[in-house]
Amino acid sequence: MEESEIAGICKALGDANRVKIIKMLSAGELCACRILEALDITQPTLSHHMKILSDCALVAARKEGKWSYYSINCGRFSEFKDCISEISCTKQETCCCRKE
């Protein structure tokens, strides 16, 4: 996964409502109406959030009649988690560019 893709996902997750949506979807696919009820937001606001989550491919959408159903794109989410888990916090005595 490219750094720009990781940054896009981090940006998408930089909103509390979008994090809540991801947490809700971790239990499985949900209809937009259920997400609206849980978050107490308007339909246009939900559409905005879902577009951002879909644009970075974290969320997949499908239409059934007049309803939209959303789910986590598990492959993309796992790839993101793997990239993030590669980042570690290690303490170096000196900067690697100052080899003395």
Protein backbone atom coordinates (compact mmCIF):
# COMPACT_ATOMS: atom_id res chain seq x y z
CA MET A 1 0.00 0.00 0.00
CA GLU A 2 1.37 3.39 -1.02
CA GLU A 3 1.96 6.09 1.58
CA SER A 4 -0.63 8.30 -0.15
CA GLU A 5 -3.22 5.53 0.28
CA ILE A 6 -2.37 5.15 3.96
CA ALA A 7 -2.63 8.92 4.40
CA GLY A 8 -6.02 8.92 2.65
CA ILE A 9 -7.36 6.26 5.00
CA CYS A 10 -5.99 8.09 8.03
CA LYS A 11 -7.64 11.28 6.80
CA ALA A 12 -10.93 9.43 6.32
CA LEU A 13 -10.69 8.09 9.87
CA GLY A 14 -9.92 11.58 11.19
CA ASP A 15 -13.61 12.22 11.86
CA ALA A 16 -15.36 10.79 14.93
CA ASN A 17 -18.55 9.93 13.03
CA ARG A 18 -16.59 7.99 10.41
CA VAL A 19 -14.79 6.04 13.14
CA LYS A 20 -18.20 5.25 14.67
CA ILE A 21 -19.44 4.08 11.28
CA ILE A 22 -16.44 1.76 10.88
CA LYS A 23 -17.00 0.37 14.37
CA MET A 24 -20.66 -0.24 13.58
CA LEU A 25 -19.80 -1.96 10.29
CA SER A 26 -17.29 -4.22 12.05
CA ALA A 27 -20.33 -6.20 13.24
CA GLY A 28 -21.48 -6.70 9.64
CA GLU A 29 -23.34 -5.05 6.80
CA LEU A 30 -25.79 -2.31 7.71
CA CYS A 31 -28.52 -0.42 5.94
CA ALA A 32 -28.01 3.34 5.78
CA CYS A 33 -31.19 3.80 7.82
CA ARG A 34 -29.61 1.94 10.79
CA ILE A 35 -26.50 4.10 10.63
CA LEU A 36 -28.65 7.23 10.48
CA GLU A 37 -30.59 6.17 13.57
CA ALA A 38 -27.45 5.39 15.56
CA LEU A 39 -25.61 8.60 14.71
CA ASP A 40 -28.52 11.06 14.70
CA ILE A 41 -27.26 12.80 11.57
CA THR A 42 -29.01 13.82 8.36
CA GLN A 43 -29.05 11.70 5.22
CA PRO A 44 -26.88 14.18 3.26
CA THR A 45 -24.31 14.14 6.07
CA LEU A 46 -24.27 10.34 6.04
CA SER A 47 -23.84 10.35 2.26
CA HIS A 48 -20.86 12.68 2.65
CA HIS A 49 -19.23 10.40 5.25
CA MET A 50 -19.89 7.27 3.20
CA LYS A 51 -18.43 8.86 0.07
CA ILE A 52 -15.20 9.62 1.93
CA LEU A 53 -15.02 6.07 3.33
CA SER A 54 -15.83 4.60 -0.09
CA ASP A 55 -13.33 6.81 -1.94
CA CYS A 56 -10.46 5.37 0.10
CA ALA A 57 -11.98 1.89 -0.40
CA LEU A 58 -12.50 1.14 3.29
CA VAL A 59 -16.23 0.68 2.78
CA ALA A 60 -18.16 -1.13 0.07
CA ALA A 61 -21.71 -0.15 -0.86
CA ARG A 62 -24.53 -1.96 -2.59
CA LYS A 63 -28.01 -0.87 -3.53
CA GLU A 64 -31.11 -2.96 -2.94
CA GLY A 65 -34.18 -1.17 -4.16
CA LYS A 66 -34.14 2.30 -2.68
CA TRP A 67 -31.84 1.35 0.20
CA SER A 68 -28.06 1.42 0.40
CA TYR A 69 -26.20 -1.20 2.39
CA TYR A 70 -22.65 -0.71 3.59
CA SER A 71 -19.92 -3.06 4.75
CA ILE A 72 -16.23 -2.89 5.54
CA ASN A 73 -13.97 -3.82 2.65
CA CYS A 74 -12.13 -6.46 4.71
CA GLY A 75 -9.24 -6.88 2.29
CA ARG A 76 -8.48 -3.17 2.21
CA PHE A 77 -8.92 -2.81 5.98
CA SER A 78 -6.57 -5.74 6.65
CA GLU A 79 -4.00 -4.28 4.29
CA PHE A 80 -4.22 -0.94 6.14
CA LYS A 81 -3.86 -2.64 9.53
CA ASP A 82 -0.81 -4.55 8.29
CA CYS A 83 0.83 -1.32 7.10
CA ILE A 84 0.13 0.43 10.38
CA SER A 85 1.42 -2.53 12.40
CA GLU A 86 4.76 -2.26 10.59
CA ILE A 87 5.31 1.13 12.21
CA SER A 88 7.11 0.79 15.51
CA CYS A 89 8.52 3.00 18.17
CA THR A 90 12.16 2.25 18.86
CA LYS A 91 14.60 4.48 20.60
CA GLN A 92 17.94 5.07 18.95
CA GLU A 93 20.83 6.49 20.89
CA THR A 94 21.80 8.82 18.06
CA CYS A 95 20.39 9.77 14.72
CA CYS A 96 21.35 7.28 12.03
CA CYS A 97 22.80 10.13 9.92
CA ARG A 98 25.30 11.04 12.67
CA LYS A 99 27.60 8.07 12.65
CA GLU A 100 30.64 9.28 14.56
